[in-house]
C-alpha atoms as a PDB file:
ATOM      1  CA  MET A   1     -18.699 -10.571  13.759  1.00  0.00           C
ATOM      2  CA  THR A   2     -19.429  -8.227  16.524  1.00  0.00           C
ATOM      3  CA  PRO A   3     -18.844  -4.489  16.152  1.00  0.00           C
ATOM      4  CA  ARG A   4     -15.431  -4.668  18.501  1.00  0.00           C
ATOM      5  CA  ALA A   5     -14.230  -7.474  16.111  1.00  0.00           C
ATOM      6  CA  ARG A   6     -14.847  -5.529  13.037  1.00  0.00           C
ATOM      7  CA  VAL A   7     -13.106  -2.573  14.584  1.00  0.00           C
ATOM      8  CA  ALA A   8     -10.078  -4.545  15.314  1.00  0.00           C
ATOM      9  CA  ALA A   9     -10.165  -6.161  11.967  1.00  0.00           C
ATOM     10  CA  SER A  10     -10.124  -2.715  10.173  1.00  0.00           C
ATOM     11  CA  GLU A  11      -7.548  -1.166  12.538  1.00  0.00           C
ATOM     12  CA  ALA A  12      -5.348  -4.188  11.577  1.00  0.00           C
ATOM     13  CA  THR A  13      -5.599  -3.495   7.964  1.00  0.00           C
ATOM     14  CA  LEU A  14      -4.542  -0.030   8.648  1.00  0.00           C
ATOM     15  CA  HIS A  15      -1.101  -1.225   9.381  1.00  0.00           C
ATOM     16  CA  ASP A  16      -0.992  -4.156   6.957  1.00  0.00           C
ATOM     17  CA  PRO A  17       1.397  -3.274   3.971  1.00  0.00           C
ATOM     18  CA  VAL A  18      -0.594  -5.563   1.805  1.00  0.00           C
ATOM     19  CA  HIS A  19      -3.543  -3.359   2.018  1.00  0.00           C
ATOM     20  CA  ALA A  20      -1.858  -0.203   1.843  1.00  0.00           C
ATOM     21  CA  GLY A  21      -2.931   1.855  -1.201  1.00  0.00           C
ATOM     22  CA  THR A  22      -6.106  -0.322  -1.453  1.00  0.00           C
ATOM     23  CA  PRO A  23      -9.305   1.553  -2.226  1.00  0.00           C
ATOM     24  CA  GLY A  24     -11.695   1.544   0.766  1.00  0.00           C
ATOM     25  CA  ILE A  25      -8.716   1.203   3.324  1.00  0.00           C
ATOM     26  CA  ARG A  26      -8.030   4.288   5.269  1.00  0.00           C
ATOM     27  CA  ASP A  27      -4.901   5.332   7.005  1.00  0.00           C
ATOM     28  CA  ALA A  28      -4.633   6.297  10.711  1.00  0.00           C
ATOM     29  CA  SER A  29      -5.996   9.827   9.837  1.00  0.00           C
ATOM     30  CA  GLY A  30      -9.201   8.221   8.354  1.00  0.00           C
ATOM     31  CA  ILE A  31      -8.215   9.517   4.903  1.00  0.00           C
ATOM     32  CA  GLU A  32      -8.099   6.930   2.019  1.00  0.00           C
ATOM     33  CA  PRO A  33      -4.431   7.055   0.736  1.00  0.00           C
ATOM     34  CA  ALA A  34      -3.969   7.585  -3.196  1.00  0.00           C
ATOM     35  CA  GLN A  35      -3.222   4.544  -5.008  1.00  0.00           C
ATOM     36  CA  THR A  36       0.357   4.152  -6.056  1.00  0.00           C
ATOM     37  CA  SER A  37       1.911   2.101  -8.832  1.00  0.00           C
ATOM     38  CA  PRO A  38       4.397  -0.379  -7.529  1.00  0.00           C
ATOM     39  CA  HIS A  39       6.694   0.766 -10.239  1.00  0.00           C
ATOM     40  CA  LYS A  40       7.060   4.327  -8.686  1.00  0.00           C
ATOM     41  CA  GLY A  41       9.469   5.594  -6.264  1.00  0.00           C
ATOM     42  CA  LYS A  42      12.562   5.161  -7.851  1.00  0.00           C
ATOM     43  CA  THR A  43      14.569   8.154  -8.131  1.00  0.00           C
ATOM     44  CA  GLY A  44      17.989   9.678  -9.269  1.00  0.00           C
ATOM     45  CA  LEU A  45      20.247   7.742 -11.626  1.00  0.00           C
ATOM     46  CA  ARG A  46      18.376   4.449 -11.059  1.00  0.00           C
ATOM     47  CA  ARG A  47      15.131   6.200 -12.440  1.00  0.00           C
ATOM     48  CA  ILE A  48      16.988   7.473 -15.467  1.00  0.00           C
ATOM     49  CA  ARG A  49      18.624   4.144 -16.132  1.00  0.00           C
ATOM     50  CA  ASN A  50      15.272   2.290 -15.924  1.00  0.00           C
ATOM     51  CA  ALA A  51      13.500   4.875 -18.245  1.00  0.00           C
ATOM     52  CA  LEU A  52      16.309   4.388 -20.738  1.00  0.00           C
ATOM     53  CA  PHE A  53      15.787   0.554 -20.804  1.00  0.00           C
ATOM     54  CA  TYR A  54      12.102   0.987 -20.825  1.00  0.00           C
ATOM     55  CA  SER A  55      12.397   3.278 -23.851  1.00  0.00           C
ATOM     56  CA  VAL A  56      14.716   0.749 -25.639  1.00  0.00           C
ATOM     57  CA  ASP A  57      12.177  -2.065 -24.824  1.00  0.00           C
ATOM     58  CA  GLY A  58       9.428   0.070 -26.405  1.00  0.00           C
ATOM     59  CA  PHE A  59      11.407   0.949 -29.517  1.00  0.00           C
ATOM     60  CA  ALA A  60      12.333  -2.638 -29.992  1.00  0.00           C
ATOM     61  CA  ALA A  61       8.907  -3.909 -29.614  1.00  0.00           C
ATOM     62  CA  ALA A  62       7.558  -1.377 -32.232  1.00  0.00           C
ATOM     63  CA  LEU A  63      10.312  -2.394 -34.562  1.00  0.00           C
ATOM     64  CA  ARG A  64       9.563  -5.874 -33.872  1.00  0.00           C
ATOM     65  CA  ASN A  65       5.657  -5.742 -33.999  1.00  0.00           C
ATOM     66  CA  GLU A  66       4.591  -2.738 -36.082  1.00  0.00           C
ATOM     67  CA  ASP A  67       5.058  -2.843 -39.958  1.00  0.00           C
ATOM     68  CA  ALA A  68       4.174   0.934 -40.277  1.00  0.00           C
ATOM     69  CA  PHE A  69       6.642   1.880 -37.808  1.00  0.00           C
ATOM     70  CA  ARG A  70       9.473   0.126 -39.643  1.00  0.00           C
ATOM     71  CA  GLN A  71       8.383   1.862 -42.871  1.00  0.00           C
ATOM     72  CA  GLU A  72       8.468   5.134 -41.088  1.00  0.00           C
ATOM     73  CA  VAL A  73      11.971   4.374 -39.529  1.00  0.00           C
ATOM     74  CA  LEU A  74      13.182   3.568 -43.026  1.00  0.00           C
ATOM     75  CA  LEU A  75      11.792   6.914 -44.148  1.00  0.00           C
ATOM     76  CA  ALA A  76      13.497   8.641 -41.355  1.00  0.00           C
ATOM     77  CA  LEU A  77      16.764   7.032 -42.371  1.00  0.00           C
ATOM     78  CA  ILE A  78      16.491   8.342 -45.818  1.00  0.00           C
ATOM     79  CA  LEU A  79      15.087  11.597 -45.201  1.00  0.00           C
ATOM     80  CA  THR A  80      17.136  12.834 -42.174  1.00  0.00           C
ATOM     81  CA  PRO A  81      20.595  12.718 -44.145  1.00  0.00           C
ATOM     82  CA  ILE A  82      18.864  14.499 -47.051  1.00  0.00           C
ATOM     83  CA  ALA A  83      17.637  17.212 -44.581  1.00  0.00           C
ATOM     84  CA  LEU A  84      21.037  17.594 -42.784  1.00  0.00           C
ATOM     85  CA  CYS A  85      22.798  17.962 -46.275  1.00  0.00           C
ATOM     86  CA  ALA A  86      20.052  20.437 -47.784  1.00  0.00           C
ATOM     87  CA  PRO A  87      21.218  24.016 -48.643  1.00  0.00           C
ATOM     88  CA  VAL A  88      19.041  25.645 -46.044  1.00  0.00           C
ATOM     89  CA  SER A  89      19.699  27.299 -42.669  1.00  0.00           C
ATOM     90  CA  ALA A  90      20.288  25.270 -39.552  1.00  0.00           C
ATOM     91  CA  VAL A  91      16.721  26.200 -38.437  1.00  0.00           C
ATOM     92  CA  GLY A  92      15.394  24.746 -41.796  1.00  0.00           C
ATOM     93  CA  LYS A  93      17.209  21.517 -41.243  1.00  0.00           C
ATOM     94  CA  ALA A  94      16.082  21.311 -37.481  1.00  0.00           C
ATOM     95  CA  MET A  95      12.490  21.888 -38.638  1.00  0.00           C
ATOM     96  CA  MET A  96      12.778  19.099 -41.482  1.00  0.00           C
ATOM     97  CA  VAL A  97      14.446  16.574 -39.106  1.00  0.00           C
ATOM     98  CA  ALA A  98      11.852  17.358 -36.373  1.00  0.00           C
ATOM     99  CA  SER A  99       9.020  16.988 -38.872  1.00  0.00           C
ATOM    100  CA  VAL A 100      10.236  13.339 -39.832  1.00  0.00           C
ATOM    101  CA  LEU A 101      10.851  12.541 -35.903  1.00  0.00           C
ATOM    102  CA  LEU A 102       7.279  13.587 -35.052  1.00  0.00           C
ATOM    103  CA  VAL A 103       6.146  10.951 -37.506  1.00  0.00           C
ATOM    104  CA  LEU A 104       7.973   8.491 -35.498  1.00  0.00           C
ATOM    105  CA  VAL A 105       6.787   9.777 -32.013  1.00  0.00           C
ATOM    106  CA  VAL A 106       3.090   9.735 -33.193  1.00  0.00           C
ATOM    107  CA  GLU A 107       3.355   6.330 -34.633  1.00  0.00           C
ATOM    108  CA  LEU A 108       4.761   4.990 -31.281  1.00  0.00           C
ATOM    109  CA  LEU A 109       1.802   6.633 -29.364  1.00  0.00           C
ATOM    110  CA  ASN A 110      -0.705   5.218 -31.901  1.00  0.00           C
ATOM    111  CA  SER A 111       0.763   1.832 -31.545  1.00  0.00           C
ATOM    112  CA  ALA A 112       0.565   2.102 -27.559  1.00  0.00           C
ATOM    113  CA  ILE A 113      -3.162   3.005 -28.004  1.00  0.00           C
ATOM    114  CA  GLU A 114      -3.884   0.253 -30.113  1.00  0.00           C
ATOM    115  CA  ALA A 115      -1.975  -2.480 -27.765  1.00  0.00           C
ATOM    116  CA  VAL A 116      -3.692  -1.069 -24.795  1.00  0.00           C
ATOM    117  CA  THR A 117      -7.107  -1.054 -26.527  1.00  0.00           C
ATOM    118  CA  ASP A 118      -6.433  -4.646 -27.659  1.00  0.00           C
ATOM    119  CA  ARG A 119      -5.194  -5.810 -24.134  1.00  0.00           C
ATOM    120  CA  VAL A 120      -8.640  -4.377 -22.713  1.00  0.00           C
ATOM    121  CA  SER A 121     -10.727  -6.254 -25.095  1.00  0.00           C
ATOM    122  CA  LEU A 122     -10.524  -7.827 -28.710  1.00  0.00           C
ATOM    123  CA  GLU A 123     -14.223  -7.475 -29.363  1.00  0.00           C
ATOM    124  CA  ASP A 124     -15.464  -4.868 -31.630  1.00  0.00           C
ATOM    125  CA  HIS A 125     -16.622  -1.707 -29.495  1.00  0.00           C
ATOM    126  CA  VAL A 126     -17.409   1.586 -30.849  1.00  0.00           C
ATOM    127  CA  LEU A 127     -14.974   3.346 -28.411  1.00  0.00           C
ATOM    128  CA  ALA A 128     -12.311   1.051 -29.210  1.00  0.00           C
ATOM    129  CA  LYS A 129     -12.784   1.802 -32.886  1.00  0.00           C
ATOM    130  CA  GLN A 130     -12.850   5.509 -32.298  1.00  0.00           C
ATOM    131  CA  ALA A 131      -9.617   5.519 -30.205  1.00  0.00           C
ATOM    132  CA  LYS A 132      -7.690   3.520 -32.859  1.00  0.00           C
ATOM    133  CA  ASP A 133      -9.112   5.840 -35.559  1.00  0.00           C
ATOM    134  CA  MET A 134      -8.077   8.899 -33.686  1.00  0.00           C
ATOM    135  CA  GLY A 135      -4.476   7.621 -33.374  1.00  0.00           C
ATOM    136  CA  SER A 136      -4.310   6.830 -37.149  1.00  0.00           C
ATOM    137  CA  ALA A 137      -5.721  10.346 -37.877  1.00  0.00           C
ATOM    138  CA  ALA A 138      -2.977  11.703 -35.650  1.00  0.00           C
ATOM    139  CA  VAL A 139      -0.304   9.573 -37.545  1.00  0.00           C
ATOM    140  CA  LEU A 140      -1.803  10.890 -40.820  1.00  0.00           C
ATOM    141  CA  LEU A 141      -1.775  14.473 -39.802  1.00  0.00           C
ATOM    142  CA  SER A 142       2.099  14.000 -38.789  1.00  0.00           C
ATOM    143  CA  LEU A 143       2.741  12.369 -42.122  1.00  0.00           C
ATOM    144  CA  ILE A 144       1.186  15.368 -43.798  1.00  0.00           C
ATOM    145  CA  THR A 145       3.272  17.707 -41.794  1.00  0.00           C
ATOM    146  CA  VAL A 146       6.611  16.392 -43.371  1.00  0.00           C
ATOM    147  CA  PRO A 147       6.149  17.592 -47.033  1.00  0.00           C
ATOM    148  CA  VAL A 148       4.416  20.747 -45.906  1.00  0.00           C
ATOM    149  CA  VAL A 149       7.454  21.762 -43.611  1.00  0.00           C
ATOM    150  CA  TRP A 150       9.900  20.722 -46.266  1.00  0.00           C
ATOM    151  CA  LEU A 151       8.161  22.609 -48.851  1.00  0.00           C
ATOM    152  CA  ILE A 152       7.892  25.734 -46.554  1.00  0.00           C
ATOM    153  CA  VAL A 153      11.766  25.340 -45.711  1.00  0.00           C
ATOM    154  CA  PHE A 154      12.735  24.936 -49.348  1.00  0.00           C
ATOM    155  CA  PHE A 155      10.345  27.283 -51.147  1.00  0.00           C
ATOM    156  CA  GLY A 156       9.487  29.995 -48.322  1.00  0.00           C
END
């Protein structure tokens, strides 16, 4: 390919939407554009609606696929009414409920870490084990938080 043909080909890719955001392809200013996700760019109510449905899908996937999450949801369904009926201040009730909900949040994040790690590779790897173990440790700390907060609220 002649130098003139190479220039013409590279200029054609500058205006080609298929190559927009592709690494190594520069825009007319000569600057390589940042890569963007095709899922980004939605705004307003559509973005909020999509986020809600993605969240519901994630919650459903965790309930369907994660035994630990189902057990922790059961724990939350038992402990939340107890916290709300407890003879403590509103702030105490809020802290008790928040500590229980924290367990669910951390478990969801741990499950996400595990899913991504398994998606990348199912082979044993020291970094995959480390990531999964750290997620598990985070869940353990959130579980320890529940009785600690409850004891502090009840007994000062």
